[in-house]
Amino acid sequence: MRDTFKKGMTLGLGLATLSKEQAEKVIDELMKKGELSREESDGIFQDWERKGEESKNYIDDMMKERVNKLLEELEVVTKRDLRALEQRITQLENQLREKE
């Protein structure tokens, strides 16, 4: 599963890089023709970067949600669960010591 995830991410990054390179070529051509200024091209790239970051964050959140749901369905114990149990054990041990 981990390998499939890595391959998918690599493919996605490859496609994003390819798209970015193609977009840069188009924008460079428009600038050479005088149809687009340097400021406009910078604005376009900043907008693309912002949208890309938003998309990445959205995908990250969706992935976390899916993984957490899957872990819950499989009833896998999480670190959070273990920490809660450790704290509860410590509390019970302290209560026993106080009674002795």
PDB file of N, CA and C in Angstrom:
ATOM      1  N   MET A   1       0.830  -1.189   0.000  1.00  0.00           N
ATOM      2  CA  MET A   1       0.000   0.000   0.000  1.00  0.00           C
ATOM      3  C   MET A   1       0.870   1.245   0.000  1.00  0.00           C
ATOM      4  N   ARG A   2       1.937   1.234   0.789  1.00  0.00           N
ATOM      5  CA  ARG A   2       2.827   2.380   0.881  1.00  0.00           C
ATOM      6  C   ARG A   2       3.502   2.650  -0.460  1.00  0.00           C
ATOM      7  N   ASP A   3       3.930   1.576  -1.167  1.00  0.00           N
ATOM      8  CA  ASP A   3       4.565   1.737  -2.475  1.00  0.00           C
ATOM      9  C   ASP A   3       3.592   2.329  -3.481  1.00  0.00           C
ATOM     10  N   THR A   4       2.361   1.885  -3.455  1.00  0.00           N
ATOM     11  CA  THR A   4       1.351   2.409  -4.367  1.00  0.00           C
ATOM     12  C   THR A   4       1.131   3.889  -4.108  1.00  0.00           C
ATOM     13  N   PHE A   5       1.081   4.253  -2.831  1.00  0.00           N
ATOM     14  CA  PHE A   5       0.906   5.661  -2.463  1.00  0.00           C
ATOM     15  C   PHE A   5       2.077   6.492  -2.975  1.00  0.00           C
ATOM     16  N   LYS A   6       3.310   5.982  -2.766  1.00  0.00           N
ATOM     17  CA  LYS A   6       4.501   6.707  -3.220  1.00  0.00           C
ATOM     18  C   LYS A   6       4.505   6.860  -4.730  1.00  0.00           C
ATOM     19  N   LYS A   7       4.143   5.803  -5.438  1.00  0.00           N
ATOM     20  CA  LYS A   7       4.099   5.865  -6.897  1.00  0.00           C
ATOM     21  C   LYS A   7       3.063   6.885  -7.361  1.00  0.00           C
ATOM     22  N   GLY A   8       1.935   6.906  -6.704  1.00  0.00           N
ATOM     23  CA  GLY A   8       0.886   7.871  -7.051  1.00  0.00           C
ATOM     24  C   GLY A   8       1.339   9.302  -6.821  1.00  0.00           C
ATOM     25  N   MET A   9       2.002   9.524  -5.693  1.00  0.00           N
ATOM     26  CA  MET A   9       2.504  10.868  -5.394  1.00  0.00           C
ATOM     27  C   MET A   9       3.574  11.276  -6.394  1.00  0.00           C
ATOM     28  N   THR A  10       4.457  10.362  -6.749  1.00  0.00           N
ATOM     29  CA  THR A  10       5.506  10.650  -7.716  1.00  0.00           C
ATOM     30  C   THR A  10       4.903  10.993  -9.071  1.00  0.00           C
ATOM     31  N   LEU A  11       3.925  10.227  -9.480  1.00  0.00           N
ATOM     32  CA  LEU A  11       3.242  10.489 -10.746  1.00  0.00           C
ATOM     33  C   LEU A  11       2.580  11.864 -10.712  1.00  0.00           C
ATOM     34  N   GLY A  12       1.906  12.168  -9.622  1.00  0.00           N
ATOM     35  CA  GLY A  12       1.248  13.466  -9.491  1.00  0.00           C
ATOM     36  C   GLY A  12       2.237  14.616  -9.540  1.00  0.00           C
ATOM     37  N   LEU A  13       3.343  14.463  -8.839  1.00  0.00           N
ATOM     38  CA  LEU A  13       4.369  15.507  -8.857  1.00  0.00           C
ATOM     39  C   LEU A  13       4.985  15.646 -10.241  1.00  0.00           C
ATOM     40  N   GLY A  14       5.178  14.525 -10.918  1.00  0.00           N
ATOM     41  CA  GLY A  14       5.708  14.563 -12.279  1.00  0.00           C
ATOM     42  C   GLY A  14       4.781  15.312 -13.216  1.00  0.00           C
ATOM     43  N   LEU A  15       3.497  15.028 -13.110  1.00  0.00           N
ATOM     44  CA  LEU A  15       2.523  15.725 -13.947  1.00  0.00           C
ATOM     45  C   LEU A  15       2.471  17.210 -13.613  1.00  0.00           C
ATOM     46  N   ALA A  16       2.563  17.537 -12.328  1.00  0.00           N
ATOM     47  CA  ALA A  16       2.556  18.943 -11.926  1.00  0.00           C
ATOM     48  C   ALA A  16       3.776  19.666 -12.473  1.00  0.00           C
ATOM     49  N   THR A  17       4.929  19.015 -12.423  1.00  0.00           N
ATOM     50  CA  THR A  17       6.150  19.612 -12.943  1.00  0.00           C
ATOM     51  C   THR A  17       6.036  19.820 -14.441  1.00  0.00           C
ATOM     52  N   LEU A  18       5.531  18.811 -15.139  1.00  0.00           N
ATOM     53  CA  LEU A  18       5.358  18.915 -16.579  1.00  0.00           C
ATOM     54  C   LEU A  18       4.417  20.071 -16.909  1.00  0.00           C
ATOM     55  N   SER A  19       3.313  20.171 -16.201  1.00  0.00           N
ATOM     56  CA  SER A  19       2.354  21.233 -16.439  1.00  0.00           C
ATOM     57  C   SER A  19       2.968  22.597 -16.164  1.00  0.00           C
ATOM     58  N   LYS A  20       3.761  22.693 -15.110  1.00  0.00           N
ATOM     59  CA  LYS A  20       4.404  23.960 -14.773  1.00  0.00           C
ATOM     60  C   LYS A  20       5.370  24.365 -15.886  1.00  0.00           C
ATOM     61  N   GLU A  21       6.142  23.397 -16.369  1.00  0.00           N
ATOM     62  CA  GLU A  21       7.094  23.698 -17.445  1.00  0.00           C
ATOM     63  C   GLU A  21       6.359  24.154 -18.701  1.00  0.00           C
ATOM     64  N   GLN A  22       5.270  23.487 -19.023  1.00  0.00           N
ATOM     65  CA  GLN A  22       4.491  23.881 -20.199  1.00  0.00           C
ATOM     66  C   GLN A  22       3.895  25.274 -20.003  1.00  0.00           C
ATOM     67  N   ALA A  23       3.393  25.549 -18.807  1.00  0.00           N
ATOM     68  CA  ALA A  23       2.812  26.866 -18.522  1.00  0.00           C
ATOM     69  C   ALA A  23       3.877  27.952 -18.626  1.00  0.00           C
ATOM     70  N   GLU A  24       5.077  27.662 -18.118  1.00  0.00           N
ATOM     71  CA  GLU A  24       6.156  28.644 -18.204  1.00  0.00           C
ATOM     72  C   GLU A  24       6.496  28.948 -19.660  1.00  0.00           C
ATOM     73  N   LYS A  25       6.499  27.916 -20.510  1.00  0.00           N
ATOM     74  CA  LYS A  25       6.786  28.124 -21.934  1.00  0.00           C
ATOM     75  C   LYS A  25       5.732  29.021 -22.568  1.00  0.00           C
ATOM     76  N   VAL A  26       4.470  28.762 -22.264  1.00  0.00           N
ATOM     77  CA  VAL A  26       3.380  29.563 -22.831  1.00  0.00           C
ATOM     78  C   VAL A  26       3.498  31.008 -22.371  1.00  0.00           C
ATOM     79  N   ILE A  27       3.745  31.208 -21.100  1.00  0.00           N
ATOM     80  CA  ILE A  27       3.859  32.564 -20.565  1.00  0.00           C
ATOM     81  C   ILE A  27       5.073  33.277 -21.157  1.00  0.00           C
ATOM     82  N   ASP A  28       6.188  32.559 -21.292  1.00  0.00           N
ATOM     83  CA  ASP A  28       7.372  33.158 -21.913  1.00  0.00           C
ATOM     84  C   ASP A  28       7.067  33.606 -23.341  1.00  0.00           C
ATOM     85  N   GLU A  29       6.343  32.773 -24.081  1.00  0.00           N
ATOM     86  CA  GLU A  29       5.978  33.128 -25.454  1.00  0.00           C
ATOM     87  C   GLU A  29       5.096  34.371 -25.476  1.00  0.00           C
ATOM     88  N   LEU A  30       4.135  34.434 -24.564  1.00  0.00           N
ATOM     89  CA  LEU A  30       3.256  35.601 -24.505  1.00  0.00           C
ATOM     90  C   LEU A  30       4.034  36.864 -24.157  1.00  0.00           C
ATOM     91  N   MET A  31       5.026  36.726 -23.278  1.00  0.00           N
ATOM     92  CA  MET A  31       5.857  37.875 -22.917  1.00  0.00           C
ATOM     93  C   MET A  31       6.698  38.318 -24.117  1.00  0.00           C
ATOM     94  N   LYS A  32       7.249  37.362 -24.865  1.00  0.00           N
ATOM     95  CA  LYS A  32       8.058  37.690 -26.044  1.00  0.00           C
ATOM     96  C   LYS A  32       7.227  38.427 -27.088  1.00  0.00           C
ATOM     97  N   LYS A  33       5.974  38.029 -27.217  1.00  0.00           N
ATOM     98  CA  LYS A  33       5.091  38.673 -28.190  1.00  0.00           C
ATOM     99  C   LYS A  33       4.565  40.018 -27.697  1.00  0.00           C
ATOM    100  N   GLY A  34       4.812  40.312 -26.425  1.00  0.00           N
ATOM    101  CA  GLY A  34       4.344  41.571 -25.862  1.00  0.00           C
ATOM    102  C   GLY A  34       2.894  41.536 -25.425  1.00  0.00           C
ATOM    103  N   GLU A  35       2.320  40.363 -25.365  1.00  0.00           N
ATOM    104  CA  GLU A  35       0.926  40.229 -24.959  1.00  0.00           C
ATOM    105  C   GLU A  35       0.763  40.123 -23.442  1.00  0.00           C
ATOM    106  N   LEU A  36       1.887  40.003 -22.747  1.00  0.00           N
ATOM    107  CA  LEU A  36       1.854  39.834 -21.302  1.00  0.00           C
ATOM    108  C   LEU A  36       3.077  40.515 -20.709  1.00  0.00           C
ATOM    109  N   SER A  37       2.859  41.300 -19.659  1.00  0.00           N
ATOM    110  CA  SER A  37       3.985  41.991 -19.020  1.00  0.00           C
ATOM    111  C   SER A  37       4.613  41.093 -17.948  1.00  0.00           C
ATOM    112  N   ARG A  38       5.801  41.472 -17.494  1.00  0.00           N
ATOM    113  CA  ARG A  38       6.497  40.729 -16.439  1.00  0.00           C
ATOM    114  C   ARG A  38       5.652  40.704 -15.162  1.00  0.00           C
ATOM    115  N   GLU A  39       5.025  41.845 -14.828  1.00  0.00           N
ATOM    116  CA  GLU A  39       4.195  41.919 -13.619  1.00  0.00           C
ATOM    117  C   GLU A  39       2.996  40.981 -13.727  1.00  0.00           C
ATOM    118  N   GLU A  40       2.383  40.947 -14.918  1.00  0.00           N
ATOM    119  CA  GLU A  40       1.240  40.059 -15.109  1.00  0.00           C
ATOM    120  C   GLU A  40       1.661  38.598 -15.005  1.00  0.00           C
ATOM    121  N   SER A  41       2.813  38.274 -15.579  1.00  0.00           N
ATOM    122  CA  SER A  41       3.272  36.881 -15.503  1.00  0.00           C
ATOM    123  C   SER A  41       3.606  36.497 -14.068  1.00  0.00           C
ATOM    124  N   ASP A  42       4.227  37.425 -13.324  1.00  0.00           N
ATOM    125  CA  ASP A  42       4.516  37.152 -11.913  1.00  0.00           C
ATOM    126  C   ASP A  42       3.229  36.918 -11.133  1.00  0.00           C
ATOM    127  N   GLY A  43       2.216  37.726 -11.431  1.00  0.00           N
ATOM    128  CA  GLY A  43       0.918  37.567 -10.768  1.00  0.00           C
ATOM    129  C   GLY A  43       0.286  36.222 -11.079  1.00  0.00           C
ATOM    130  N   ILE A  44       0.412  35.794 -12.320  1.00  0.00           N
ATOM    131  CA  ILE A  44      -0.143  34.496 -12.715  1.00  0.00           C
ATOM    132  C   ILE A  44       0.551  33.374 -11.954  1.00  0.00           C
ATOM    133  N   PHE A  45       1.887  33.428 -11.886  1.00  0.00           N
ATOM    134  CA  PHE A  45       2.625  32.380 -11.174  1.00  0.00           C
ATOM    135  C   PHE A  45       2.299  32.378  -9.680  1.00  0.00           C
ATOM    136  N   GLN A  46       2.183  33.568  -9.109  1.00  0.00           N
ATOM    137  CA  GLN A  46       1.829  33.635  -7.683  1.00  0.00           C
ATOM    138  C   GLN A  46       0.447  33.049  -7.447  1.00  0.00           C
ATOM    139  N   ASP A  47      -0.480  33.333  -8.350  1.00  0.00           N
ATOM    140  CA  ASP A  47      -1.835  32.784  -8.236  1.00  0.00           C
ATOM    141  C   ASP A  47      -1.807  31.270  -8.360  1.00  0.00           C
ATOM    142  N   TRP A  48      -1.027  30.745  -9.312  1.00  0.00           N
ATOM    143  CA  TRP A  48      -0.909  29.295  -9.483  1.00  0.00           C
ATOM    144  C   TRP A  48      -0.283  28.653  -8.259  1.00  0.00           C
ATOM    145  N   GLU A  49       0.737  29.289  -7.700  1.00  0.00           N
ATOM    146  CA  GLU A  49       1.378  28.732  -6.505  1.00  0.00           C
ATOM    147  C   GLU A  49       0.405  28.695  -5.339  1.00  0.00           C
ATOM    148  N   ARG A  50      -0.366  29.771  -5.180  1.00  0.00           N
ATOM    149  CA  ARG A  50      -1.346  29.828  -4.092  1.00  0.00           C
ATOM    150  C   ARG A  50      -2.403  28.737  -4.275  1.00  0.00           C
ATOM    151  N   LYS A  51      -2.918  28.615  -5.495  1.00  0.00           N
ATOM    152  CA  LYS A  51      -3.929  27.590  -5.763  1.00  0.00           C
ATOM    153  C   LYS A  51      -3.346  26.186  -5.598  1.00  0.00           C
ATOM    154  N   GLY A  52      -2.099  26.018  -6.006  1.00  0.00           N
ATOM    155  CA  GLY A  52      -1.444  24.725  -5.834  1.00  0.00           C
ATOM    156  C   GLY A  52      -1.295  24.362  -4.369  1.00  0.00           C
ATOM    157  N   GLU A  53      -0.917  25.342  -3.562  1.00  0.00           N
ATOM    158  CA  GLU A  53      -0.769  25.112  -2.120  1.00  0.00           C
ATOM    159  C   GLU A  53      -2.125  24.794  -1.488  1.00  0.00           C
ATOM    160  N   GLU A  54      -3.169  25.506  -1.903  1.00  0.00           N
ATOM    161  CA  GLU A  54      -4.510  25.227  -1.397  1.00  0.00           C
ATOM    162  C   GLU A  54      -4.946  23.811  -1.764  1.00  0.00           C
ATOM    163  N   SER A  55      -4.674  23.418  -3.002  1.00  0.00           N
ATOM    164  CA  SER A  55      -5.032  22.067  -3.453  1.00  0.00           C
ATOM    165  C   SER A  55      -4.267  21.022  -2.663  1.00  0.00           C
ATOM    166  N   LYS A  56      -2.972  21.266  -2.449  1.00  0.00           N
ATOM    167  CA  LYS A  56      -2.139  20.332  -1.682  1.00  0.00           C
ATOM    168  C   LYS A  56      -2.691  20.177  -0.272  1.00  0.00           C
ATOM    169  N   ASN A  57      -3.033  21.296   0.370  1.00  0.00           N
ATOM    170  CA  ASN A  57      -3.571  21.243   1.730  1.00  0.00           C
ATOM    171  C   ASN A  57      -4.895  20.485   1.764  1.00  0.00           C
ATOM    172  N   TYR A  58      -5.732  20.710   0.769  1.00  0.00           N
ATOM    173  CA  TYR A  58      -7.014  20.015   0.690  1.00  0.00           C
ATOM    174  C   TYR A  58      -6.796  18.507   0.544  1.00  0.00           C
ATOM    175  N   ILE A  59      -5.890  18.137  -0.338  1.00  0.00           N
ATOM    176  CA  ILE A  59      -5.598  16.713  -0.556  1.00  0.00           C
ATOM    177  C   ILE A  59      -5.010  16.099   0.714  1.00  0.00           C
ATOM    178  N   ASP A  60      -4.097  16.822   1.374  1.00  0.00           N
ATOM    179  CA  ASP A  60      -3.516  16.330   2.628  1.00  0.00           C
ATOM    180  C   ASP A  60      -4.604  16.073   3.668  1.00  0.00           C
ATOM    181  N   ASP A  61      -5.528  17.033   3.804  1.00  0.00           N
ATOM    182  CA  ASP A  61      -6.611  16.883   4.774  1.00  0.00           C
ATOM    183  C   ASP A  61      -7.503  15.692   4.427  1.00  0.00           C
ATOM    184  N   MET A  62      -7.801  15.532   3.147  1.00  0.00           N
ATOM    185  CA  MET A  62      -8.634  14.413   2.714  1.00  0.00           C
ATOM    186  C   MET A  62      -7.936  13.082   2.989  1.00  0.00           C
ATOM    187  N   MET A  63      -6.625  13.026   2.717  1.00  0.00           N
ATOM    188  CA  MET A  63      -5.864  11.797   2.957  1.00  0.00           C
ATOM    189  C   MET A  63      -5.857  11.450   4.443  1.00  0.00           C
ATOM    190  N   LYS A  64      -5.616  12.442   5.289  1.00  0.00           N
ATOM    191  CA  LYS A  64      -5.605  12.206   6.734  1.00  0.00           C
ATOM    192  C   LYS A  64      -6.962  11.686   7.194  1.00  0.00           C
ATOM    193  N   GLU A  65      -8.017  12.294   6.679  1.00  0.00           N
ATOM    194  CA  GLU A  65      -9.361  11.871   7.053  1.00  0.00           C
ATOM    195  C   GLU A  65      -9.618  10.420   6.641  1.00  0.00           C
ATOM    196  N   ARG A  66      -9.217  10.074   5.427  1.00  0.00           N
ATOM    197  CA  ARG A  66      -9.417   8.706   4.941  1.00  0.00           C
ATOM    198  C   ARG A  66      -8.599   7.699   5.742  1.00  0.00           C
ATOM    199  N   VAL A  67      -7.336   8.048   6.035  1.00  0.00           N
ATOM    200  CA  VAL A  67      -6.481   7.146   6.804  1.00  0.00           C
ATOM    201  C   VAL A  67      -7.052   6.950   8.197  1.00  0.00           C
ATOM    202  N   ASN A  68      -7.470   8.042   8.837  1.00  0.00           N
ATOM    203  CA  ASN A  68      -8.046   7.937  10.175  1.00  0.00           C
ATOM    204  C   ASN A  68      -9.317   7.085  10.168  1.00  0.00           C
ATOM    205  N   LYS A  69     -10.141   7.262   9.142  1.00  0.00           N
ATOM    206  CA  LYS A  69     -11.368   6.468   9.036  1.00  0.00           C
ATOM    207  C   LYS A  69     -11.033   4.992   8.850  1.00  0.00           C
ATOM    208  N   LEU A  70     -10.045   4.712   8.009  1.00  0.00           N
ATOM    209  CA  LEU A  70      -9.625   3.331   7.785  1.00  0.00           C
ATOM    210  C   LEU A  70      -9.067   2.712   9.065  1.00  0.00           C
ATOM    211  N   LEU A  71      -8.236   3.453   9.787  1.00  0.00           N
ATOM    212  CA  LEU A  71      -7.688   2.946  11.045  1.00  0.00           C
ATOM    213  C   LEU A  71      -8.796   2.654  12.051  1.00  0.00           C
ATOM    214  N   GLU A  72      -9.789   3.527  12.066  1.00  0.00           N
ATOM    215  CA  GLU A  72     -10.918   3.325  12.974  1.00  0.00           C
ATOM    216  C   GLU A  72     -11.715   2.080  12.579  1.00  0.00           C
ATOM    217  N   GLU A  73     -11.957   1.908  11.279  1.00  0.00           N
ATOM    218  CA  GLU A  73     -12.695   0.735  10.802  1.00  0.00           C
ATOM    219  C   GLU A  73     -11.943  -0.556  11.105  1.00  0.00           C
ATOM    220  N   LEU A  74     -10.620  -0.513  11.004  1.00  0.00           N
ATOM    221  CA  LEU A  74      -9.799  -1.696  11.277  1.00  0.00           C
ATOM    222  C   LEU A  74      -9.527  -1.874  12.768  1.00  0.00           C
ATOM    223  N   GLU A  75      -9.999  -0.920  13.559  1.00  0.00           N
ATOM    224  CA  GLU A  75      -9.814  -0.924  15.017  1.00  0.00           C
ATOM    225  C   GLU A  75      -8.341  -0.984  15.403  1.00  0.00           C
ATOM    226  N   VAL A  76      -7.528  -0.201  14.696  1.00  0.00           N
ATOM    227  CA  VAL A  76      -6.097  -0.115  14.991  1.00  0.00           C
ATOM    228  C   VAL A  76      -5.898   0.864  16.142  1.00  0.00           C
ATOM    229  N   VAL A  77      -5.068   0.465  17.086  1.00  0.00           N
ATOM    230  CA  VAL A  77      -4.775   1.321  18.229  1.00  0.00           C
ATOM    231  C   VAL A  77      -3.789   2.408  17.793  1.00  0.00           C
ATOM    232  N   THR A  78      -4.121   3.643  18.135  1.00  0.00           N
ATOM    233  CA  THR A  78      -3.270   4.770  17.748  1.00  0.00           C
ATOM    234  C   THR A  78      -2.374   5.187  18.906  1.00  0.00           C
ATOM    235  N   LYS A  79      -1.397   6.016  18.640  1.00  0.00           N
ATOM    236  CA  LYS A  79      -0.529   6.536  19.693  1.00  0.00           C
ATOM    237  C   LYS A  79      -1.348   7.322  20.712  1.00  0.00           C
ATOM    238  N   ARG A  80      -2.345   8.027  20.221  1.00  0.00           N
ATOM    239  CA  ARG A  80      -3.223   8.798  21.117  1.00  0.00           C
ATOM    240  C   ARG A  80      -3.931   7.853  22.088  1.00  0.00           C
ATOM    241  N   ASP A  81      -4.394   6.709  21.572  1.00  0.00           N
ATOM    242  CA  ASP A  81      -5.048   5.718  22.428  1.00  0.00           C
ATOM    243  C   ASP A  81      -4.075   5.196  23.483  1.00  0.00           C
ATOM    244  N   LEU A  82      -2.844   4.875  23.052  1.00  0.00           N
ATOM    245  CA  LEU A  82      -1.835   4.370  23.984  1.00  0.00           C
ATOM    246  C   LEU A  82      -1.489   5.388  25.058  1.00  0.00           C
ATOM    247  N   ARG A  83      -1.342   6.645  24.664  1.00  0.00           N
ATOM    248  CA  ARG A  83      -1.037   7.692  25.643  1.00  0.00           C
ATOM    249  C   ARG A  83      -2.151   7.828  26.676  1.00  0.00           C
ATOM    250  N   ALA A  84      -3.393   7.762  26.212  1.00  0.00           N
ATOM    251  CA  ALA A  84      -4.528   7.855  27.132  1.00  0.00           C
ATOM    252  C   ALA A  84      -4.518   6.690  28.116  1.00  0.00           C
ATOM    253  N   LEU A  85      -4.212   5.497  27.621  1.00  0.00           N
ATOM    254  CA  LEU A  85      -4.133   4.331  28.507  1.00  0.00           C
ATOM    255  C   LEU A  85      -2.981   4.468  29.502  1.00  0.00           C
ATOM    256  N   GLU A  86      -1.841   4.949  29.026  1.00  0.00           N
ATOM    257  CA  GLU A  86      -0.692   5.143  29.915  1.00  0.00           C
ATOM    258  C   GLU A  86      -1.032   6.139  31.024  1.00  0.00           C
ATOM    259  N   GLN A  87      -1.717   7.224  30.659  1.00  0.00           N
ATOM    260  CA  GLN A  87      -2.110   8.208  31.667  1.00  0.00           C
ATOM    261  C   GLN A  87      -3.082   7.605  32.675  1.00  0.00           C
ATOM    262  N   ARG A  88      -4.009   6.814  32.176  1.00  0.00           N
ATOM    263  CA  ARG A  88      -4.982   6.175  33.070  1.00  0.00           C
ATOM    264  C   ARG A  88      -4.289   5.188  34.007  1.00  0.00           C
ATOM    265  N   ILE A  89      -3.346   4.421  33.507  1.00  0.00           N
ATOM    266  CA  ILE A  89      -2.594   3.476  34.337  1.00  0.00           C
ATOM    267  C   ILE A  89      -1.821   4.232  35.415  1.00  0.00           C
ATOM    268  N   THR A  90      -1.189   5.323  35.032  1.00  0.00           N
ATOM    269  CA  THR A  90      -0.433   6.132  35.998  1.00  0.00           C
ATOM    270  C   THR A  90      -1.366   6.657  37.082  1.00  0.00           C
ATOM    271  N   GLN A  91      -2.553   7.121  36.701  1.00  0.00           N
ATOM    272  CA  GLN A  91      -3.518   7.617  37.694  1.00  0.00           C
ATOM    273  C   GLN A  91      -3.932   6.501  38.654  1.00  0.00           C
ATOM    274  N   LEU A  92      -4.203   5.328  38.109  1.00  0.00           N
ATOM    275  CA  LEU A  92      -4.610   4.204  38.952  1.00  0.00           C
ATOM    276  C   LEU A  92      -3.481   3.776  39.887  1.00  0.00           C
ATOM    277  N   GLU A  93      -2.250   3.767  39.371  1.00  0.00           N
ATOM    278  CA  GLU A  93      -1.105   3.427  40.222  1.00  0.00           C
ATOM    279  C   GLU A  93      -0.964   4.434  41.359  1.00  0.00           C
ATOM    280  N   ASN A  94      -1.145   5.687  41.065  1.00  0.00           N
ATOM    281  CA  ASN A  94      -1.053   6.726  42.104  1.00  0.00           C
ATOM    282  C   ASN A  94      -2.156   6.558  43.146  1.00  0.00           C
ATOM    283  N   GLN A  95      -3.346   6.208  42.693  1.00  0.00           N
ATOM    284  CA  GLN A  95      -4.457   5.985  43.631  1.00  0.00           C
ATOM    285  C   GLN A  95      -4.167   4.797  44.540  1.00  0.00           C
ATOM    286  N   LEU A  96      -3.588   3.730  43.983  1.00  0.00           N
ATOM    287  CA  LEU A  96      -3.241   2.564  44.788  1.00  0.00           C
ATOM    288  C   LEU A  96      -2.186   2.909  45.828  1.00  0.00           C
ATOM    289  N   ARG A  97      -1.187   3.682  45.450  1.00  0.00           N
ATOM    290  CA  ARG A  97      -0.140   4.094  46.388  1.00  0.00           C
ATOM    291  C   ARG A  97      -0.699   4.914  47.535  1.00  0.00           C
ATOM    292  N   GLU A  98      -1.654   5.781  47.219  1.00  0.00           N
ATOM    293  CA  GLU A  98      -2.261   6.628  48.244  1.00  0.00           C
ATOM    294  C   GLU A  98      -3.055   5.797  49.253  1.00  0.00           C
ATOM    295  N   LYS A  99      -3.656   4.710  48.816  1.00  0.00           N
ATOM    296  CA  LYS A  99      -4.449   3.856  49.697  1.00  0.00           C
ATOM    297  C   LYS A  99      -3.584   2.987  50.586  1.00  0.00           C
ATOM    298  N   GLU A 100      -2.330   2.750  50.176  1.00  0.00           N
ATOM    299  CA  GLU A 100      -1.446   1.880  50.968  1.00  0.00           C
ATOM    300  C   GLU A 100      -0.903   2.586  52.128  1.00  0.00           C
TER     301      GLU A 100
END
